[in-house]
Each structure stands twice: as structure tokens, then as C-alpha cells.
Amino acid sequence: MKLRVYIETLGCAKNQVDSEVMMGLLKEHGFLLEMEEDRADIIIVNTCGFINDAKQESIDTILSLAKYKEHGNCKLLIVAGCLGERYNDELLKELPEVDGIVGTGNFPQVVDIVNSTLKGERTSKHGDINVVFDENMPRILGTPSYSAYLKIAEGCDNLCTYCIIPKLRGKYRSREMKDIIGEAKSLASQGVKELIIIAQDTSNYGIDLYGEIKIGDLLDELNKIEGIKWIRILYCYPEKIDDKLIESMSRNEKVCKYIDMPIQHCSDNILKLMNRKTSKEHIETVIKKLREKIGDISIRTTLIVGFPGETEEDFLELKDFVKRMRFDRLGVFPYSKEEGTSAEKLPNQVEEDIKISRQEEIMDIQKNISFEKNNEKIGNIYDILIEEKEAENVYAGRSMYDIPDVDGIVYVNSEVDLKEGQIVKTEITDAFEYDLIGEMLDESC
């Protein structure tokens, strides 16, 4: 009898790709993939361990799914991902519900770990954070058939003082361009229309393999692939965004006019404490260039408030910066003090209530900016990728300015039946803080 495996994925898109490879490996070795956790014989939780909130969500999810060992079919509960890598011994000691651990670099061994736990062994495989993965590993998409993440590198060399990722994911390792192109073509042949480029730092792609940054060249090659309609790029660090990348984004028609550029702060004082290798002046220069060269580009960023040493003056500077830069999308996180990071030992830690207050202030500013920018879209026509039917003659979709599960939704009114993955031209008729409403004009793709 074949055993059924359910995988719950938490955290970032990099984890999503890892889960998809684990699904491919398990299916290749005779396991059945299960979509309902209560029917699964084996449950794997691919966890996040980046900040406190993510760690708590991971623990809560593990405990929630553990109930199926008593009230469902579950025989084994395995923890994978960053939490498993970071706290492997503690998890096995403190959570008797957990039968096995799969570290961030060990997920290619998931079949061996499952087989060991089936024999009654509590197995933990972790520590291979700098492993170079086999390009021939199978992958089963867990995203909708028309959209897929394309991981171009693993690990990180930036050593930001607040970040634990280098200790969990290892040094920066780019994939060979030919391998990335090969995977992208394979995804296109499966019906994927949207490629979402990811890594810990996509803007550093190629530096370790080719001695120079090659993200612009990679976009040039991806743009040639038949069947792909949209290519969007996430996790670009501002200090690496050069004229070559901007020109590549501008000239390649399939590359979305969208960039995710986490800046974390604007105060030079805080940027230095964070070990961010940029400055307020440079960030503003990059934003200006992006907007000049790529007309209506949408810029998403993330900020950290309440970092150790952040004074009221630093925060006021950040508020003014957000008002002036008018980002299209923006997320704010209160600083999370993480053990094992350099920032943990910094003096002048900020009180939690001040962090939350500052987060709320920035988000209030951004809500107004987002609403104003959405109102500017009324009367304009955009290509909308349909994702699901919401009601009779109403469909939910995304424009090239929206990444899945993060940005806004466009609700499309259509008298014609639309299908998931279809791209239709839509005129925007109304706007909210983050979402839009429009009328379909024709079926374009």
C-alpha cells in the first residue's frame, strides 16, 4: 500500500521551491501526494525560522498538525526548512510529536529520512547548508499551473547584522545560467506563463560563477523563451542594481515593470549598523533611475523599524523618506532580536511598544500613498492574469504590478466566461487602498 504525504509550506518563496522538489522526489519513489492533511500518512512541515513571528507560526503549525497523529491517519510528522536547521536538537527534545528533521540543505535526502522514520528511528539530517544541489532533481509545482517561482541562487554573503539566513542557507551559490534556462523552458512547456525570479539576493546573480553580476544577461535569455508572458524579479538589493540591469528590464518586453527592492531603512546611521552596503543618497539615485528608464515601474520595498540605535530623528527621517519616495508597495516589520546575529548584541535596543507604534505610523502613511496611486490607475487599461472566479461574472486576477499572495487584486467584471491563467485586457473603473475593479475589454491571450 502506497503511503500518502502532505507538505505544509511556510515562509518565503524559496521554501516553496524546496517543497516542490521534495514532492517530486517523494512521488518518484512511490509515495502519493495528498492535498488534505487529515488523510495523510506522513506530514511534512517546511518551516520558516527567520524572525520571532515566523518561528512562532512554525511551532503553532507543527503542534496543530500533530493532532492528526491521534485523530487522523498520520503516522509520521517531519519538520523541514529553516526552523529544523536552526533548532534541530531542541525540536527533537522538546516536541515528542516530531519524528524527523530535514535541514535546509538536506531536503534532497527527504526520502531517506522518511524511510528511516518509518523504521522507528527519530532521524535528523542537517548542517549541509553549502551543498550544491543536483540539477536533475524532479519538481512538482505547488503553485497554479500558469505561475512558477524560478530559484536562481541559494545562500547569501551580505551578512546583514539582523539576519540569520547565512547561518541557515550558507554562502551565495548561483546556478549555472544554462540550467536556469533549461528549467524555465521546461516550466513553459508545462503551461507556465509567469516566471517569478527568486534568490536571497537576485541582484548578485552570477558573481561567484562568472566573476561579474549576470542578472541582466539572464533576463535577456529568459525573455526569448516561447510561452512565457511575464518575468518578474524579487529580492534585488539597491547597491547591486546597476545600469545594465535597468537597461535589461527596460528593453525586454516580457520583464514586468516591477521590482522588489528591500532597502530596510534610509538613515545612513541605521544602514551602517545593519551592515547594509548602501546609503540614502544611493538608494534615492537608484529609485530615480528606475523611474526615469522604466516609465511606470512599480517599486516594492520592505523596512525595519525599531532597529537597535534607531533614534526619533532616524525615524522622522524614514517617515519623510517614505512620503517623498512614494513607493508603490511597502511592508514594514518591527525589528526582531534574533539569537546568533550581530545585532543581538548592539546597545540601545528599542522597546517593543515603540517598534509597533512606528510600524503603524509608516503603514498609515503608505495606505494613503497606495490609495492615491491606485486612483491614478482609473481609466487605464492593463493586462490582467485571471486567477479564480469570485462570483457570477466576477473574476479575481493580477496585473504585472502585483505578485501573488502579497500585492493587490484586480476584480474583473466579464460577461464572458474566463479561465484561470488567461490574460485579458481590462479597463480600471474603481480603486481601493490595495485592490482595483475593472471591466474586461477583450480576450487578448
Protein backbone atom coordinates (compact mmCIF):
# COMPACT_ATOMS: atom_id res chain seq x y z
CA MET A 1 0.00 0.00 0.00
CA LYS A 2 1.42 3.38 -1.01
CA LEU A 3 1.70 5.99 1.74
CA ARG A 4 0.21 9.46 1.32
CA VAL A 5 2.34 12.54 2.04
CA TYR A 6 1.08 16.05 2.79
CA ILE A 7 3.51 19.00 2.79
CA GLU A 8 2.66 22.28 4.53
CA THR A 9 4.90 25.13 3.35
CA LEU A 10 5.51 28.23 5.48
CA GLY A 11 7.67 31.29 4.92
CA CYS A 12 9.19 32.53 1.70
CA ALA A 13 9.05 31.53 -1.96
CA LYS A 14 12.44 29.80 -1.62
CA ASN A 15 10.78 27.34 0.76
CA GLN A 16 8.02 26.83 -1.80
CA VAL A 17 10.54 25.65 -4.39
CA ASP A 18 12.20 23.34 -1.86
CA SER A 19 8.81 21.80 -1.06
CA GLU A 20 8.12 21.29 -4.76
CA VAL A 21 11.40 19.40 -5.15
CA MET A 22 10.59 17.27 -2.10
CA MET A 23 7.20 16.46 -3.67
CA GLY A 24 8.95 15.43 -6.86
CA LEU A 25 11.40 13.17 -5.03
CA LEU A 26 8.71 11.54 -2.91
CA LYS A 27 6.47 10.86 -5.90
CA GLU A 28 9.44 9.46 -7.86
CA HIS A 29 10.00 6.97 -5.02
CA GLY A 30 6.43 5.69 -4.93
CA PHE A 31 4.73 7.94 -2.39
CA LEU A 32 1.36 9.53 -3.13
CA LEU A 33 0.94 13.29 -2.74
CA GLU A 34 -2.03 14.26 -0.60
CA MET A 35 -3.76 17.65 -0.59
CA GLU A 36 -5.75 17.09 2.64
CA GLU A 37 -3.76 16.86 5.86
CA ASP A 38 -6.33 14.69 7.66
CA ARG A 39 -5.92 11.94 5.01
CA ALA A 40 -2.11 11.89 5.02
CA ASP A 41 0.01 9.08 6.44
CA ILE A 42 3.05 11.38 6.56
CA ILE A 43 3.00 15.12 7.22
CA ILE A 44 6.00 17.34 6.45
CA VAL A 45 6.07 20.94 7.69
CA ASN A 46 8.55 23.07 5.73
CA THR A 47 9.17 25.81 8.27
CA CYS A 48 10.46 29.37 8.46
CA GLY A 49 12.85 30.42 11.24
CA PHE A 50 13.76 33.94 10.15
CA ILE A 51 12.15 36.11 12.85
CA ASN A 52 10.21 35.51 16.06
CA ASP A 53 6.75 35.72 14.49
CA ALA A 54 7.75 33.22 11.79
CA LYS A 55 9.21 30.85 14.37
CA GLN A 56 6.03 31.01 16.42
CA GLU A 57 3.88 30.36 13.36
CA SER A 58 6.04 27.33 12.55
CA ILE A 59 5.72 25.91 16.10
CA ASP A 60 1.97 26.52 16.12
CA THR A 61 1.59 24.79 12.76
CA ILE A 62 3.63 21.78 13.88
CA LEU A 63 1.51 21.37 17.01
CA SER A 64 -1.72 21.89 15.06
CA LEU A 65 -0.84 19.22 12.50
CA ALA A 66 0.42 16.86 15.23
CA LYS A 67 -3.21 16.29 16.26
CA TYR A 68 -3.64 14.11 13.16
CA LYS A 69 -1.36 11.56 14.80
CA GLU A 70 -4.20 10.98 17.29
CA HIS A 71 -7.29 11.87 15.29
CA GLY A 72 -6.27 11.18 11.71
CA ASN A 73 -4.16 8.84 9.60
CA CYS A 74 -0.80 10.47 10.36
CA LYS A 75 1.94 8.08 11.32
CA LEU A 76 4.91 10.42 10.93
CA LEU A 77 5.43 14.15 11.44
CA ILE A 78 8.62 15.58 9.93
CA VAL A 79 9.95 19.14 10.27
CA ALA A 80 11.91 20.60 7.35
CA GLY A 81 13.33 24.01 6.49
CA CYS A 82 14.89 26.84 8.46
CA LEU A 83 13.42 26.05 11.88
CA GLY A 84 14.61 22.47 11.54
CA GLU A 85 18.08 23.65 10.53
CA ARG A 86 18.29 26.21 13.32
CA TYR A 87 16.82 24.25 16.24
CA ASN A 88 17.17 20.59 15.25
CA ASP A 89 18.23 19.21 18.64
CA GLU A 90 15.78 21.39 20.57
CA LEU A 91 12.84 20.34 18.38
CA LEU A 92 13.53 16.64 18.87
CA LYS A 93 13.96 17.17 22.60
CA GLU A 94 11.02 19.49 23.26
CA LEU A 95 8.49 18.15 20.75
CA PRO A 96 7.98 14.39 21.08
CA GLU A 97 5.37 14.67 18.30
CA VAL A 98 8.19 15.27 15.79
CA ASP A 99 9.65 12.10 14.24
CA GLY A 100 12.35 13.57 12.00
CA ILE A 101 14.22 16.73 10.97
CA VAL A 102 15.26 17.81 7.48
CA GLY A 103 17.67 20.78 7.34
CA THR A 104 17.70 23.46 4.63
CA GLY A 105 20.49 21.77 2.67
CA ASN A 106 19.33 18.23 3.34
CA PHE A 107 15.89 18.26 1.75
CA PRO A 108 17.22 16.20 -1.23
CA GLN A 109 17.55 13.38 1.35
CA VAL A 110 13.88 13.58 2.31
CA VAL A 111 13.13 10.07 1.01
CA ASP A 112 15.92 8.56 3.13
CA ILE A 113 14.69 10.44 6.18
CA VAL A 114 11.10 9.30 5.65
CA ASN A 115 12.21 5.69 5.22
CA SER A 116 14.32 5.88 8.40
CA THR A 117 11.46 7.26 10.44
CA LEU A 118 9.14 4.56 9.08
CA LYS A 119 11.53 2.05 10.68
CA GLY A 120 11.05 3.76 14.04
CA GLU A 121 14.20 5.87 14.02
CA ARG A 122 13.99 9.54 15.08
CA THR A 123 16.24 10.94 12.38
CA SER A 124 17.79 14.36 11.97
CA LYS A 125 19.81 15.35 8.92
CA HIS A 126 21.07 18.93 8.91
CA GLY A 127 24.22 21.01 8.53
CA ASP A 128 24.77 20.74 4.76
CA ILE A 129 23.99 24.42 4.26
CA ASN A 130 26.53 24.90 1.44
CA VAL A 131 25.50 21.88 -0.60
CA VAL A 132 25.31 22.28 -4.38
CA PHE A 133 22.04 20.70 -5.43
CA ASP A 134 21.60 18.19 -8.19
CA GLU A 135 20.05 19.96 -11.19
CA ASN A 136 18.31 16.74 -12.22
CA MET A 137 16.04 16.53 -9.17
CA PRO A 138 12.34 16.31 -10.08
CA ARG A 139 9.93 19.11 -9.18
CA ILE A 140 6.15 19.21 -8.93
CA LEU A 141 4.60 22.66 -8.94
CA GLY A 142 2.58 23.61 -5.88
CA THR A 143 1.61 26.94 -7.41
CA PRO A 144 -1.16 27.41 -10.01
CA SER A 145 -0.18 25.91 -13.37
CA TYR A 146 0.30 29.30 -15.03
CA SER A 147 2.81 30.72 -12.49
CA ALA A 148 6.06 29.39 -11.04
CA TYR A 149 8.99 30.53 -8.94
CA LEU A 150 12.43 30.16 -10.52
CA LYS A 151 15.22 29.99 -7.94
CA ILE A 152 18.48 31.21 -9.46
CA ALA A 153 20.79 31.03 -6.43
CA GLU A 154 20.95 29.83 -2.86
CA GLY A 155 22.53 31.31 0.27
CA CYS A 156 23.72 34.83 1.00
CA ASP A 157 27.01 36.66 1.51
CA ASN A 158 25.62 40.06 2.57
CA LEU A 159 25.95 39.45 6.33
CA CYS A 160 23.34 41.99 7.43
CA THR A 161 23.64 42.24 11.21
CA TYR A 162 19.97 41.42 11.87
CA CYS A 163 19.83 38.35 9.63
CA ILE A 164 20.37 34.68 10.46
CA ILE A 165 19.95 33.43 6.87
CA PRO A 166 23.69 32.93 6.05
CA LYS A 167 23.89 30.53 9.01
CA LEU A 168 20.84 28.63 7.76
CA ARG A 169 21.31 28.73 3.98
CA GLY A 170 25.08 29.05 3.59
CA LYS A 171 27.22 31.05 1.20
CA TYR A 172 25.89 32.53 -2.02
CA ARG A 173 25.77 29.89 -4.78
CA SER A 174 24.49 30.82 -8.22
CA ARG A 175 23.10 28.18 -10.54
CA GLU A 176 24.60 27.85 -14.00
CA MET A 177 22.71 30.01 -16.48
CA LYS A 178 22.17 27.09 -18.84
CA ASP A 179 20.49 25.12 -16.06
CA ILE A 180 18.19 28.01 -15.18
CA ILE A 181 17.25 28.49 -18.84
CA GLY A 182 16.62 24.76 -19.18
CA GLU A 183 14.29 24.74 -16.19
CA ALA A 184 12.49 27.85 -17.44
CA LYS A 185 11.87 26.17 -20.82
CA SER A 186 10.58 23.09 -19.05
CA LEU A 187 8.19 25.20 -17.00
CA ALA A 188 6.99 26.98 -20.14
CA SER A 189 6.30 23.60 -21.77
CA GLN A 190 4.08 22.77 -18.78
CA GLY A 191 1.96 25.85 -19.40
CA VAL A 192 3.66 28.35 -17.08
CA LYS A 193 3.15 31.93 -18.28
CA GLU A 194 4.66 33.83 -15.35
CA LEU A 195 8.19 33.30 -14.03
CA ILE A 196 8.98 34.85 -10.66
CA ILE A 197 12.76 35.10 -10.20
CA ILE A 198 13.92 34.49 -6.63
CA ALA A 199 17.05 34.07 -4.51
CA GLN A 200 18.21 35.56 -1.23
CA ASP A 201 19.72 38.30 -3.41
CA THR A 202 18.81 38.06 -7.09
CA SER A 203 20.82 41.18 -7.96
CA ASN A 204 24.05 39.36 -7.09
CA TYR A 205 23.41 36.52 -9.53
CA GLY A 206 26.49 35.14 -11.27
CA ILE A 207 29.19 36.93 -9.28
CA ASP A 208 30.51 33.66 -7.82
CA LEU A 209 30.43 31.72 -11.09
CA TYR A 210 31.33 34.29 -13.72
CA GLY A 211 33.23 36.94 -11.78
CA GLU A 212 30.58 39.53 -12.58
CA ILE A 213 26.89 40.12 -11.99
CA LYS A 214 24.83 38.44 -14.71
CA ILE A 215 21.21 39.07 -13.74
CA GLY A 216 20.71 41.38 -16.74
CA ASP A 217 22.07 38.73 -19.12
CA LEU A 218 19.83 36.13 -17.52
CA LEU A 219 16.74 38.30 -18.11
CA ASP A 220 17.80 38.71 -21.75
CA GLU A 221 17.83 34.93 -22.20
CA LEU A 222 14.60 34.28 -20.29
CA ASN A 223 12.86 36.88 -22.42
CA LYS A 224 13.44 34.68 -25.51
CA ILE A 225 11.52 31.69 -24.16
CA GLU A 226 8.35 30.95 -26.10
CA GLY A 227 5.21 30.68 -23.98
CA ILE A 228 6.43 32.90 -21.15
CA LYS A 229 4.42 36.13 -20.92
CA TRP A 230 5.64 37.74 -17.68
CA ILE A 231 9.01 37.67 -15.91
CA ARG A 232 9.24 39.45 -12.59
CA ILE A 233 12.21 39.82 -10.28
CA LEU A 234 12.19 39.80 -6.48
CA TYR A 235 14.79 40.47 -3.76
CA CYS A 236 17.01 42.98 -5.59
CA TYR A 237 19.41 44.82 -3.31
CA PRO A 238 19.75 48.52 -4.24
CA GLU A 239 23.55 48.56 -4.14
CA LYS A 240 23.65 45.91 -6.91
CA ILE A 241 21.05 47.49 -9.20
CA ASP A 242 23.20 48.95 -11.97
CA ASP A 243 22.57 50.48 -15.40
CA LYS A 244 22.98 47.08 -17.09
CA LEU A 245 20.14 45.55 -15.08
CA ILE A 246 17.91 48.59 -15.56
CA GLU A 247 18.53 48.57 -19.32
CA SER A 248 17.73 44.85 -19.49
CA MET A 249 14.47 45.37 -17.62
CA SER A 250 13.61 48.26 -19.93
CA ARG A 251 14.27 46.57 -23.28
CA ASN A 252 12.82 43.12 -22.60
CA GLU A 253 9.07 43.29 -23.17
CA LYS A 254 8.29 40.20 -21.05
CA VAL A 255 10.04 41.58 -17.97
CA CYS A 256 7.39 43.14 -15.77
CA LYS A 257 7.72 46.80 -14.89
CA TYR A 258 8.04 45.73 -11.28
CA ILE A 259 10.91 45.32 -8.88
CA ASP A 260 11.10 44.14 -5.30
CA MET A 261 13.94 46.10 -3.65
CA PRO A 262 14.26 45.61 0.13
CA ILE A 263 16.03 48.69 1.50
CA GLN A 264 15.19 48.20 5.25
CA HIS A 265 15.92 51.84 6.16
CA CYS A 266 17.12 55.18 4.79
CA SER A 267 19.10 56.64 7.69
CA ASP A 268 22.82 56.27 6.97
CA ASN A 269 23.34 55.72 10.69
CA ILE A 270 20.97 52.74 10.77
CA LEU A 271 22.12 51.37 7.41
CA LYS A 272 25.66 51.26 8.78
CA LEU A 273 24.54 49.47 11.95
CA MET A 274 22.69 46.98 9.76
CA ASN A 275 25.83 46.45 7.63
CA ARG A 276 23.84 47.41 4.55
CA LYS A 277 26.32 48.34 1.84
CA THR A 278 24.45 51.37 0.57
CA SER A 279 23.39 54.87 1.58
CA LYS A 280 20.32 57.05 1.49
CA GLU A 281 21.77 59.04 -1.40
CA HIS A 282 22.47 55.89 -3.41
CA ILE A 283 19.00 54.44 -2.76
CA GLU A 284 17.40 57.66 -3.97
CA THR A 285 19.62 57.64 -7.07
CA VAL A 286 18.59 54.06 -7.91
CA ILE A 287 14.89 54.87 -7.47
CA LYS A 288 15.25 57.93 -9.70
CA LYS A 289 17.00 55.89 -12.41
CA LEU A 290 14.38 53.13 -12.30
CA ARG A 291 11.57 55.62 -12.73
CA GLU A 292 13.34 57.55 -15.48
CA LYS A 293 14.34 54.49 -17.52
CA ILE A 294 11.28 52.29 -16.90
CA GLY A 295 8.39 54.76 -17.04
CA ASP A 296 5.58 53.36 -14.94
CA ILE A 297 7.62 50.85 -12.94
CA SER A 298 6.12 49.63 -9.67
CA ILE A 299 8.64 49.53 -6.82
CA ARG A 300 8.05 47.35 -3.77
CA THR A 301 10.23 47.61 -0.68
CA THR A 302 10.43 46.46 2.93
CA LEU A 303 11.51 48.40 6.01
CA ILE A 304 12.60 47.51 9.53
CA VAL A 305 11.63 49.92 12.33
CA GLY A 306 12.92 49.87 15.89
CA PHE A 307 16.38 48.62 14.96
CA PRO A 308 18.85 48.99 17.87
CA GLY A 309 20.03 52.60 17.98
CA GLU A 310 17.13 53.96 15.90
CA THR A 311 16.51 57.40 17.38
CA GLU A 312 13.44 59.57 16.99
CA GLU A 313 15.43 61.59 14.45
CA ASP A 314 16.21 58.44 12.45
CA PHE A 315 12.52 57.54 12.44
CA LEU A 316 11.41 61.01 11.39
CA GLU A 317 13.92 60.80 8.55
CA LEU A 318 12.40 57.48 7.50
CA LYS A 319 8.86 58.91 7.58
CA ASP A 320 9.91 61.81 5.40
CA PHE A 321 11.68 59.43 3.02
CA VAL A 322 8.57 57.25 2.60
CA LYS A 323 6.45 60.32 1.90
CA ARG A 324 8.89 61.60 -0.73
CA MET A 325 9.70 58.30 -2.45
CA ARG A 326 6.05 57.25 -2.73
CA PHE A 327 6.70 53.52 -3.10
CA ASP A 328 4.02 51.58 -4.93
CA ARG A 329 4.15 48.74 -2.42
CA LEU A 330 5.70 48.75 1.03
CA GLY A 331 5.86 46.41 4.01
CA VAL A 332 7.12 47.31 7.49
CA PHE A 333 8.43 44.92 10.12
CA PRO A 334 9.31 45.71 13.73
CA TYR A 335 12.90 44.64 14.41
CA SER A 336 13.14 41.09 15.74
CA LYS A 337 16.07 40.40 18.07
CA GLU A 338 17.49 37.12 16.82
CA GLU A 339 19.98 34.98 18.70
CA GLY A 340 23.15 34.33 16.75
CA THR A 341 23.07 37.66 14.91
CA SER A 342 25.43 40.60 15.43
CA ALA A 343 22.54 43.00 16.06
CA GLU A 344 21.50 40.94 19.08
CA LYS A 345 24.46 42.41 20.97
CA LEU A 346 24.02 46.03 19.87
CA PRO A 347 23.30 48.62 22.56
CA ASN A 348 20.22 50.87 22.66
CA GLN A 349 17.62 48.21 21.94
CA VAL A 350 14.22 49.79 21.26
CA GLU A 351 11.14 48.98 23.37
CA GLU A 352 8.52 46.74 21.74
CA ASP A 353 5.68 49.25 22.06
CA ILE A 354 7.78 51.88 20.27
CA LYS A 355 8.53 49.43 17.45
CA ILE A 356 4.83 48.67 16.96
CA SER A 357 3.89 52.36 17.10
CA ARG A 358 6.50 53.19 14.45
CA GLN A 359 5.33 50.33 12.25
CA GLU A 360 1.75 51.62 12.41
CA GLU A 361 2.81 55.19 11.61
CA ILE A 362 4.67 54.15 8.47
CA MET A 363 1.83 51.91 7.31
CA ASP A 364 -0.70 54.73 7.79
CA ILE A 365 1.44 56.90 5.50
CA GLN A 366 1.73 54.11 2.94
CA LYS A 367 -2.01 53.37 2.93
CA ASN A 368 -2.68 56.90 1.72
CA ILE A 369 0.05 56.66 -0.92
CA SER A 370 -1.23 53.30 -2.16
CA PHE A 371 -4.79 54.61 -2.37
CA GLU A 372 -3.67 57.67 -4.32
CA LYS A 373 -1.59 55.58 -6.71
CA ASN A 374 -4.47 53.15 -7.27
CA ASN A 375 -6.81 56.05 -8.05
CA GLU A 376 -4.36 57.21 -10.70
CA LYS A 377 -4.97 53.89 -12.49
CA ILE A 378 -8.68 54.54 -13.03
CA GLY A 379 -9.39 54.79 -16.76
CA ASN A 380 -6.17 52.98 -17.71
CA ILE A 381 -6.09 49.62 -19.48
CA TYR A 382 -3.96 46.73 -18.18
CA ASP A 383 -3.34 43.08 -18.97
CA ILE A 384 -4.81 41.06 -16.09
CA LEU A 385 -3.88 37.45 -15.34
CA ILE A 386 -7.07 35.70 -14.20
CA GLU A 387 -6.64 33.51 -11.10
CA GLU A 388 -10.12 32.48 -9.97
CA LYS A 389 -13.83 33.09 -10.27
CA GLU A 390 -15.21 35.14 -7.36
CA ALA A 391 -18.90 35.32 -8.26
CA GLU A 392 -21.17 35.34 -11.29
CA ASN A 393 -19.36 37.40 -13.96
CA VAL A 394 -16.67 38.49 -11.45
CA TYR A 395 -13.09 37.19 -11.55
CA ALA A 396 -10.01 37.87 -9.39
CA GLY A 397 -6.66 38.45 -11.07
CA ARG A 398 -3.39 40.33 -11.03
CA SER A 399 -1.64 42.88 -13.19
CA MET A 400 2.09 42.85 -13.92
CA TYR A 401 2.36 45.18 -10.90
CA ASP A 402 1.22 42.53 -8.41
CA ILE A 403 2.97 39.43 -7.11
CA PRO A 404 0.80 36.56 -5.84
CA ASP A 405 -0.27 36.46 -2.19
CA VAL A 406 1.46 39.77 -1.43
CA ASP A 407 0.17 42.65 -3.55
CA GLY A 408 -3.29 43.73 -4.61
CA ILE A 409 -6.07 42.01 -6.54
CA VAL A 410 -7.90 43.23 -9.63
CA TYR A 411 -11.57 42.23 -9.72
CA VAL A 412 -12.61 41.86 -13.35
CA ASN A 413 -16.22 42.12 -14.45
CA SER A 414 -16.81 39.98 -17.54
CA GLU A 415 -19.88 38.74 -19.37
CA VAL A 416 -17.61 36.16 -21.00
CA ASP A 417 -16.53 33.04 -19.09
CA LEU A 418 -12.84 33.34 -18.22
CA LYS A 419 -10.33 30.64 -17.34
CA GLU A 420 -7.54 30.53 -14.77
CA GLY A 421 -4.28 31.62 -16.37
CA GLN A 422 -5.98 33.62 -19.10
CA ILE A 423 -4.67 37.16 -19.67
CA VAL A 424 -7.30 39.75 -20.58
CA LYS A 425 -7.24 43.47 -21.25
CA THR A 426 -9.13 45.32 -18.55
CA GLU A 427 -10.07 48.96 -18.03
CA ILE A 428 -9.85 50.03 -14.37
CA THR A 429 -13.09 51.59 -13.11
CA ASP A 430 -12.65 51.85 -9.33
CA ALA A 431 -9.90 51.75 -6.72
CA PHE A 432 -9.37 50.90 -3.06
CA GLU A 433 -6.29 51.00 -0.82
CA TYR A 434 -4.73 47.95 -2.41
CA ASP A 435 -7.26 46.41 -4.81
CA LEU A 436 -8.82 47.52 -8.09
CA ILE A 437 -12.04 46.88 -10.05
CA GLY A 438 -12.17 46.76 -13.84
CA GLU A 439 -14.18 45.81 -16.91
CA MET A 440 -12.79 43.29 -19.38
CA LEU A 441 -12.37 44.70 -22.88
CA ASP A 442 -11.34 41.60 -24.82
CA GLU A 443 -9.63 38.24 -24.56
CA SER A 444 -6.08 39.01 -25.56
CA CYS A 445 -4.13 35.89 -24.67
